[in-house]
Structures are given as C-alpha cells and as structure tokens.
C-alpha cells in the first residue's frame, strides 16, 4: 500500500527558498510517476511540477518555471526545490504518485492514484 508523507513546508519571506520532500512510507518497491500540486485558499488545486515514471522528462507550470525544480531521489522519494518564492506561491502543497508509464509527465490531478496529506507553504511579502 502506498502511503505518501510530505515534509519541508513552512513560513518564508519572499525571495527565500524551501525544499519539499515526499516519500512513500509503504512497503511497495515499484516505481511511480510523481507530481506536485498546490491549493490556495478559495482556489482549485493546480499543477506545479511533475516527472515521468522513467525520470526522463519533467514538466512545470508556467508560474514556477525557472524557480522550482522537481527531482527524484529514488523509487520512493521526490523533492521539490522552490527558489525565489513569491507570496502567490502560498498554499497547501500535495505530492502525488501514479503507476502509469507515460511519455509526457502527468499534469492533471485525475491522472494520479495516490496523494499525500499536504504541507503548508506560506510566503510573506
């Protein structure tokens, strides 16, 4: 059973950095495509970044390109490095895993089967 646990959120000033971590604490050893999404108060969940199951391709939302980097540590762990943070990056960040092998990264929430509980990121101006 896949159990995703996120960490690394917190309060940071604009221009600062945070690194989010997401790890599968379950017993599975299979590989997954991985993604990060975020949800601000009163808004829908939106795509942030994703990496394919093979790790060969990544994708980013236009709003975070050049500032955020998704990286896979191993089959069970993924990071989201967030630099030059802005107040509009504030929200709850969720990681998600998908067992599907795709050519391009999955950017839609419905493409993911497993979700973490979320970690709060707050960027002050």
N, C-alpha and C. Protein backbone atom coordinates (compact mmCIF):
# COMPACT_ATOMS: atom_id res chain seq x y z
N UNK A 1 0.84 -1.18 0.00
CA UNK A 1 0.00 0.00 0.00
C UNK A 1 0.88 1.25 0.00
N UNK A 2 0.53 2.21 -0.85
CA UNK A 2 1.30 3.45 -0.95
C UNK A 2 0.81 4.42 0.10
N UNK A 3 1.75 4.96 0.85
CA UNK A 3 1.44 5.96 1.87
C UNK A 3 2.43 7.10 1.70
N UNK A 4 1.95 8.23 1.22
CA UNK A 4 2.81 9.36 0.93
C UNK A 4 2.86 10.33 2.11
N UNK A 5 4.08 10.72 2.45
CA UNK A 5 4.28 11.64 3.57
C UNK A 5 5.10 12.81 3.07
N UNK A 6 4.55 14.01 3.18
CA UNK A 6 5.25 15.22 2.75
C UNK A 6 5.86 15.92 3.95
N UNK A 7 6.93 16.66 3.68
CA UNK A 7 7.56 17.47 4.72
C UNK A 7 8.29 18.62 4.05
N UNK A 8 8.69 19.60 4.87
CA UNK A 8 9.50 20.69 4.36
C UNK A 8 8.78 22.01 4.20
N UNK A 9 7.48 22.03 4.42
CA UNK A 9 6.76 23.29 4.31
C UNK A 9 7.09 24.21 5.47
N UNK A 10 6.60 25.46 5.36
CA UNK A 10 6.84 26.40 6.44
C UNK A 10 6.58 27.82 6.00
N UNK A 11 7.04 28.76 6.82
CA UNK A 11 6.90 30.18 6.56
C UNK A 11 8.23 30.74 6.09
N UNK A 12 8.21 31.47 4.99
CA UNK A 12 9.44 32.03 4.45
C UNK A 12 9.15 33.40 3.86
N UNK A 13 10.13 34.27 3.86
CA UNK A 13 9.96 35.58 3.25
C UNK A 13 10.08 35.49 1.74
N UNK A 14 9.46 36.42 1.07
CA UNK A 14 9.56 36.48 -0.39
C UNK A 14 11.04 36.53 -0.79
N UNK A 15 11.36 35.76 -1.84
CA UNK A 15 12.74 35.64 -2.28
C UNK A 15 13.49 34.48 -1.66
N UNK A 16 12.91 33.88 -0.66
CA UNK A 16 13.55 32.77 0.03
C UNK A 16 13.33 31.45 -0.68
N UNK A 17 13.81 30.38 -0.04
CA UNK A 17 13.73 29.04 -0.63
C UNK A 17 13.22 28.03 0.38
N UNK A 18 12.59 26.99 -0.15
CA UNK A 18 12.18 25.84 0.64
C UNK A 18 12.38 24.60 -0.21
N UNK A 19 12.60 23.47 0.44
CA UNK A 19 12.65 22.20 -0.27
C UNK A 19 11.61 21.27 0.34
N UNK A 20 10.65 20.88 -0.47
CA UNK A 20 9.64 19.93 -0.05
C UNK A 20 10.10 18.51 -0.37
N UNK A 21 9.74 17.61 0.50
CA UNK A 21 10.08 16.21 0.32
C UNK A 21 8.81 15.38 0.40
N UNK A 22 8.75 14.34 -0.40
CA UNK A 22 7.61 13.42 -0.37
C UNK A 22 8.16 12.01 -0.48
N UNK A 23 7.77 11.17 0.46
CA UNK A 23 8.28 9.80 0.48
C UNK A 23 7.15 8.81 0.69
N UNK A 24 7.24 7.70 0.00
CA UNK A 24 6.30 6.61 0.18
C UNK A 24 6.75 5.77 1.37
N UNK A 25 5.98 5.81 2.44
CA UNK A 25 6.36 5.05 3.63
C UNK A 25 5.80 3.64 3.62
N UNK A 26 5.13 3.27 2.52
CA UNK A 26 4.58 1.93 2.41
C UNK A 26 5.65 0.93 2.02
N UNK A 27 5.23 -0.29 1.76
CA UNK A 27 6.17 -1.38 1.52
C UNK A 27 6.43 -1.63 0.05
N UNK A 28 5.77 -0.89 -0.82
CA UNK A 28 5.94 -1.13 -2.23
C UNK A 28 7.32 -0.70 -2.70
N UNK A 29 7.87 -1.41 -3.66
CA UNK A 29 9.16 -1.06 -4.22
C UNK A 29 9.04 -0.68 -5.70
N UNK A 30 7.83 -0.56 -6.18
CA UNK A 30 7.68 -0.23 -7.60
C UNK A 30 7.96 1.24 -7.84
N UNK A 31 8.16 1.58 -9.11
CA UNK A 31 8.43 2.95 -9.48
C UNK A 31 7.14 3.65 -9.89
N UNK A 32 7.11 4.96 -9.70
CA UNK A 32 5.92 5.74 -9.99
C UNK A 32 6.31 7.03 -10.70
N UNK A 33 5.38 7.53 -11.47
CA UNK A 33 5.46 8.92 -11.90
C UNK A 33 5.07 9.77 -10.69
N UNK A 34 5.66 10.94 -10.59
CA UNK A 34 5.45 11.76 -9.39
C UNK A 34 5.10 13.18 -9.78
N UNK A 35 4.25 13.78 -8.98
CA UNK A 35 3.87 15.15 -9.27
C UNK A 35 3.64 15.95 -8.00
N UNK A 36 3.65 17.26 -8.17
CA UNK A 36 3.34 18.19 -7.09
C UNK A 36 2.20 19.11 -7.54
N UNK A 37 1.26 19.33 -6.67
CA UNK A 37 0.15 20.24 -6.90
C UNK A 37 0.04 21.17 -5.69
N UNK A 38 -0.68 22.25 -5.85
CA UNK A 38 -0.90 23.16 -4.72
C UNK A 38 -2.31 23.71 -4.76
N UNK A 39 -2.77 24.13 -3.59
CA UNK A 39 -4.11 24.70 -3.50
C UNK A 39 -4.08 25.88 -2.55
N UNK A 40 -4.44 27.04 -3.07
CA UNK A 40 -4.53 28.25 -2.26
C UNK A 40 -5.96 28.37 -1.73
N UNK A 41 -6.15 29.10 -0.64
CA UNK A 41 -7.50 29.26 -0.08
C UNK A 41 -8.48 29.80 -1.10
N UNK A 42 -9.61 29.14 -1.23
CA UNK A 42 -10.64 29.59 -2.15
C UNK A 42 -10.39 29.28 -3.61
N UNK A 43 -9.30 28.55 -3.89
CA UNK A 43 -8.98 28.23 -5.28
C UNK A 43 -8.93 26.72 -5.48
N UNK A 44 -8.97 26.31 -6.74
CA UNK A 44 -8.87 24.90 -7.06
C UNK A 44 -7.42 24.44 -7.00
N UNK A 45 -7.28 23.14 -6.83
CA UNK A 45 -5.94 22.56 -6.83
C UNK A 45 -5.32 22.74 -8.21
N UNK A 46 -4.05 23.16 -8.26
CA UNK A 46 -3.40 23.40 -9.53
C UNK A 46 -2.08 22.66 -9.63
N UNK A 47 -1.72 22.35 -10.87
CA UNK A 47 -0.49 21.65 -11.16
C UNK A 47 0.71 22.55 -10.90
N UNK A 48 1.78 21.95 -10.35
CA UNK A 48 3.02 22.68 -10.11
C UNK A 48 4.17 22.06 -10.91
N UNK A 49 4.42 20.78 -10.71
CA UNK A 49 5.55 20.12 -11.38
C UNK A 49 5.31 18.62 -11.40
N UNK A 50 5.95 17.95 -12.38
CA UNK A 50 5.80 16.50 -12.48
C UNK A 50 7.02 15.89 -13.16
N UNK A 51 7.23 14.62 -12.89
CA UNK A 51 8.30 13.86 -13.52
C UNK A 51 7.75 12.50 -13.92
N UNK A 52 8.17 12.02 -15.09
CA UNK A 52 7.66 10.75 -15.58
C UNK A 52 8.19 9.57 -14.76
N UNK A 53 7.58 8.41 -14.94
CA UNK A 53 7.98 7.21 -14.21
C UNK A 53 9.45 6.87 -14.45
N UNK A 54 9.91 7.07 -15.68
CA UNK A 54 11.31 6.77 -16.00
C UNK A 54 12.26 7.87 -15.54
N UNK A 55 11.69 9.01 -15.20
CA UNK A 55 12.53 10.14 -14.82
C UNK A 55 13.13 10.88 -15.99
N UNK A 56 12.70 10.55 -17.19
CA UNK A 56 13.32 11.12 -18.38
C UNK A 56 12.80 12.51 -18.72
N UNK A 57 11.61 12.84 -18.25
CA UNK A 57 11.03 14.14 -18.60
C UNK A 57 10.38 14.78 -17.39
N UNK A 58 10.45 16.10 -17.35
CA UNK A 58 9.79 16.87 -16.31
C UNK A 58 8.90 17.92 -16.96
N UNK A 59 7.97 18.43 -16.17
CA UNK A 59 7.07 19.47 -16.65
C UNK A 59 6.79 20.42 -15.49
N UNK A 60 6.62 21.70 -15.82
CA UNK A 60 6.38 22.72 -14.81
C UNK A 60 5.26 23.65 -15.25
N UNK A 61 4.53 24.13 -14.27
CA UNK A 61 3.57 25.20 -14.54
C UNK A 61 4.34 26.45 -14.95
N UNK A 62 3.76 27.24 -15.82
CA UNK A 62 4.44 28.45 -16.29
C UNK A 62 4.81 29.37 -15.12
N UNK A 63 3.97 29.38 -14.10
CA UNK A 63 4.19 30.29 -12.98
C UNK A 63 5.40 29.94 -12.13
N UNK A 64 5.93 28.72 -12.28
CA UNK A 64 7.07 28.30 -11.44
C UNK A 64 8.31 27.96 -12.26
N UNK A 65 8.21 28.01 -13.57
CA UNK A 65 9.36 27.68 -14.42
C UNK A 65 10.55 28.58 -14.10
N UNK A 66 11.71 27.95 -13.99
CA UNK A 66 12.92 28.70 -13.68
C UNK A 66 13.13 28.93 -12.21
N UNK A 67 12.12 28.63 -11.38
CA UNK A 67 12.24 28.84 -9.93
C UNK A 67 12.14 27.52 -9.15
N UNK A 68 11.34 26.60 -9.63
CA UNK A 68 11.12 25.32 -8.95
C UNK A 68 11.79 24.20 -9.74
N UNK A 69 12.26 23.18 -9.02
CA UNK A 69 12.85 22.01 -9.65
C UNK A 69 12.35 20.75 -8.96
N UNK A 70 11.81 19.83 -9.75
CA UNK A 70 11.40 18.54 -9.22
C UNK A 70 12.52 17.54 -9.49
N UNK A 71 12.82 16.71 -8.50
CA UNK A 71 13.87 15.72 -8.68
C UNK A 71 13.50 14.45 -7.92
N UNK A 72 13.80 13.35 -8.58
CA UNK A 72 13.52 12.05 -7.96
C UNK A 72 14.76 11.58 -7.22
N UNK A 73 14.61 11.17 -5.99
CA UNK A 73 15.73 10.65 -5.22
C UNK A 73 15.90 9.16 -5.49
N UNK A 74 14.81 8.44 -5.45
CA UNK A 74 14.80 7.01 -5.73
C UNK A 74 13.37 6.63 -6.07
N UNK A 75 13.06 5.34 -6.01
CA UNK A 75 11.71 4.90 -6.38
C UNK A 75 10.66 5.42 -5.43
N UNK A 76 11.05 5.83 -4.22
CA UNK A 76 10.07 6.14 -3.20
C UNK A 76 10.08 7.59 -2.74
N UNK A 77 10.99 8.43 -3.27
CA UNK A 77 11.14 9.76 -2.73
C UNK A 77 11.35 10.78 -3.83
N UNK A 78 10.72 11.95 -3.65
CA UNK A 78 10.84 13.03 -4.61
C UNK A 78 10.96 14.35 -3.86
N UNK A 79 11.75 15.27 -4.43
CA UNK A 79 11.92 16.60 -3.87
C UNK A 79 11.26 17.64 -4.79
N UNK A 80 10.89 18.76 -4.20
CA UNK A 80 10.52 19.95 -4.95
C UNK A 80 11.33 21.10 -4.35
N UNK A 81 12.36 21.54 -5.07
CA UNK A 81 13.16 22.67 -4.64
C UNK A 81 12.50 23.94 -5.13
N UNK A 82 12.19 24.84 -4.20
CA UNK A 82 11.49 26.08 -4.55
C UNK A 82 12.36 27.26 -4.19
N UNK A 83 12.78 28.00 -5.21
CA UNK A 83 13.62 29.18 -5.03
C UNK A 83 12.87 30.43 -5.44
N UNK A 84 13.37 31.59 -5.02
CA UNK A 84 12.77 32.88 -5.38
C UNK A 84 11.27 32.87 -5.12
N UNK A 85 10.90 32.43 -3.96
CA UNK A 85 9.48 32.29 -3.65
C UNK A 85 8.76 33.62 -3.63
N UNK A 86 7.50 33.59 -4.03
CA UNK A 86 6.65 34.77 -4.10
C UNK A 86 5.42 34.56 -3.21
N UNK A 87 4.80 35.63 -2.76
CA UNK A 87 3.58 35.47 -1.96
C UNK A 87 2.51 34.64 -2.66
N UNK A 88 2.43 34.72 -3.97
CA UNK A 88 1.43 33.95 -4.71
C UNK A 88 1.74 32.46 -4.75
N UNK A 89 2.89 32.04 -4.25
CA UNK A 89 3.20 30.62 -4.13
C UNK A 89 2.59 30.02 -2.86
N UNK A 90 2.00 30.83 -2.04
CA UNK A 90 1.40 30.37 -0.79
C UNK A 90 0.27 29.38 -1.06
N UNK A 91 0.25 28.31 -0.28
CA UNK A 91 -0.82 27.32 -0.40
C UNK A 91 -0.42 26.01 0.25
N UNK A 92 -1.31 25.06 0.17
CA UNK A 92 -1.01 23.70 0.63
C UNK A 92 -0.47 22.92 -0.57
N UNK A 93 0.68 22.34 -0.39
CA UNK A 93 1.34 21.58 -1.46
C UNK A 93 1.14 20.09 -1.23
N UNK A 94 0.71 19.42 -2.30
CA UNK A 94 0.44 18.00 -2.25
C UNK A 94 1.34 17.26 -3.23
N UNK A 95 1.88 16.13 -2.81
CA UNK A 95 2.56 15.28 -3.76
C UNK A 95 1.61 14.16 -4.18
N UNK A 96 1.86 13.61 -5.35
CA UNK A 96 1.01 12.56 -5.89
C UNK A 96 1.85 11.58 -6.69
N UNK A 97 1.47 10.31 -6.63
CA UNK A 97 2.16 9.25 -7.36
C UNK A 97 1.19 8.58 -8.32
N UNK A 98 1.71 8.18 -9.48
CA UNK A 98 0.92 7.44 -10.46
C UNK A 98 1.73 6.25 -10.96
N UNK A 99 1.11 5.08 -11.07
CA UNK A 99 1.82 3.90 -11.57
C UNK A 99 1.89 3.83 -13.10
N UNK A 100 1.35 4.81 -13.79
CA UNK A 100 1.26 4.76 -15.25
C UNK A 100 2.55 5.19 -15.91
N UNK A 101 2.93 4.42 -16.93
CA UNK A 101 4.10 4.75 -17.74
C UNK A 101 3.64 5.62 -18.90
N UNK A 102 4.08 6.86 -18.93
CA UNK A 102 3.67 7.79 -19.97
C UNK A 102 4.90 8.47 -20.57
N UNK A 103 4.73 8.96 -21.78
CA UNK A 103 5.84 9.64 -22.45
C UNK A 103 6.03 11.04 -21.87
N UNK A 104 4.91 11.69 -21.59
CA UNK A 104 4.97 13.05 -21.05
C UNK A 104 4.48 13.02 -19.59
N UNK A 105 4.96 13.96 -18.78
CA UNK A 105 4.52 13.98 -17.38
C UNK A 105 3.03 14.25 -17.24
N UNK A 106 2.43 13.66 -16.24
CA UNK A 106 1.01 13.86 -15.97
C UNK A 106 0.82 15.17 -15.23
N UNK A 107 -0.09 16.00 -15.72
CA UNK A 107 -0.29 17.33 -15.15
C UNK A 107 -1.69 17.55 -14.61
N UNK A 108 -2.52 16.52 -14.67
CA UNK A 108 -3.91 16.62 -14.23
C UNK A 108 -4.11 15.77 -12.99
N UNK A 109 -4.78 16.29 -11.96
CA UNK A 109 -4.94 15.51 -10.73
C UNK A 109 -5.55 14.13 -10.93
N UNK A 110 -6.48 14.00 -11.88
CA UNK A 110 -7.14 12.71 -12.09
C UNK A 110 -6.20 11.63 -12.62
N UNK A 111 -5.03 12.01 -13.05
CA UNK A 111 -4.06 11.04 -13.56
C UNK A 111 -3.26 10.38 -12.43
N UNK A 112 -3.46 10.84 -11.23
CA UNK A 112 -2.71 10.31 -10.09
C UNK A 112 -3.61 9.49 -9.18
N UNK A 113 -3.04 8.40 -8.67
CA UNK A 113 -3.81 7.48 -7.82
C UNK A 113 -3.58 7.70 -6.33
N UNK A 114 -2.43 8.21 -5.97
CA UNK A 114 -2.08 8.31 -4.55
C UNK A 114 -1.67 9.75 -4.21
N UNK A 115 -2.12 10.20 -3.05
CA UNK A 115 -1.90 11.58 -2.63
C UNK A 115 -1.40 11.64 -1.19
N UNK A 116 -0.53 12.63 -0.94
CA UNK A 116 -0.12 12.91 0.42
C UNK A 116 -1.14 13.78 1.12
N UNK A 117 -0.88 14.07 2.38
CA UNK A 117 -1.82 14.85 3.19
C UNK A 117 -1.67 16.35 3.00
N UNK A 118 -0.58 16.75 2.38
CA UNK A 118 -0.34 18.17 2.13
C UNK A 118 0.55 18.81 3.17
N UNK A 119 1.31 19.80 2.73
CA UNK A 119 2.16 20.56 3.64
C UNK A 119 2.00 22.04 3.31
N UNK A 120 1.86 22.87 4.34
CA UNK A 120 1.58 24.29 4.14
C UNK A 120 2.85 25.06 3.81
N UNK A 121 2.76 25.87 2.78
CA UNK A 121 3.82 26.80 2.42
C UNK A 121 3.24 28.21 2.47
N UNK A 122 3.86 29.07 3.26
CA UNK A 122 3.41 30.45 3.37
C UNK A 122 4.58 31.37 3.07
N UNK A 123 4.38 32.25 2.08
CA UNK A 123 5.42 33.19 1.68
C UNK A 123 4.94 34.58 2.04
N UNK A 124 5.67 35.25 2.90
CA UNK A 124 5.29 36.60 3.33
C UNK A 124 5.97 37.64 2.45
N UNK A 125 5.27 38.75 2.29
CA UNK A 125 5.81 39.82 1.43
C UNK A 125 6.67 40.79 2.22
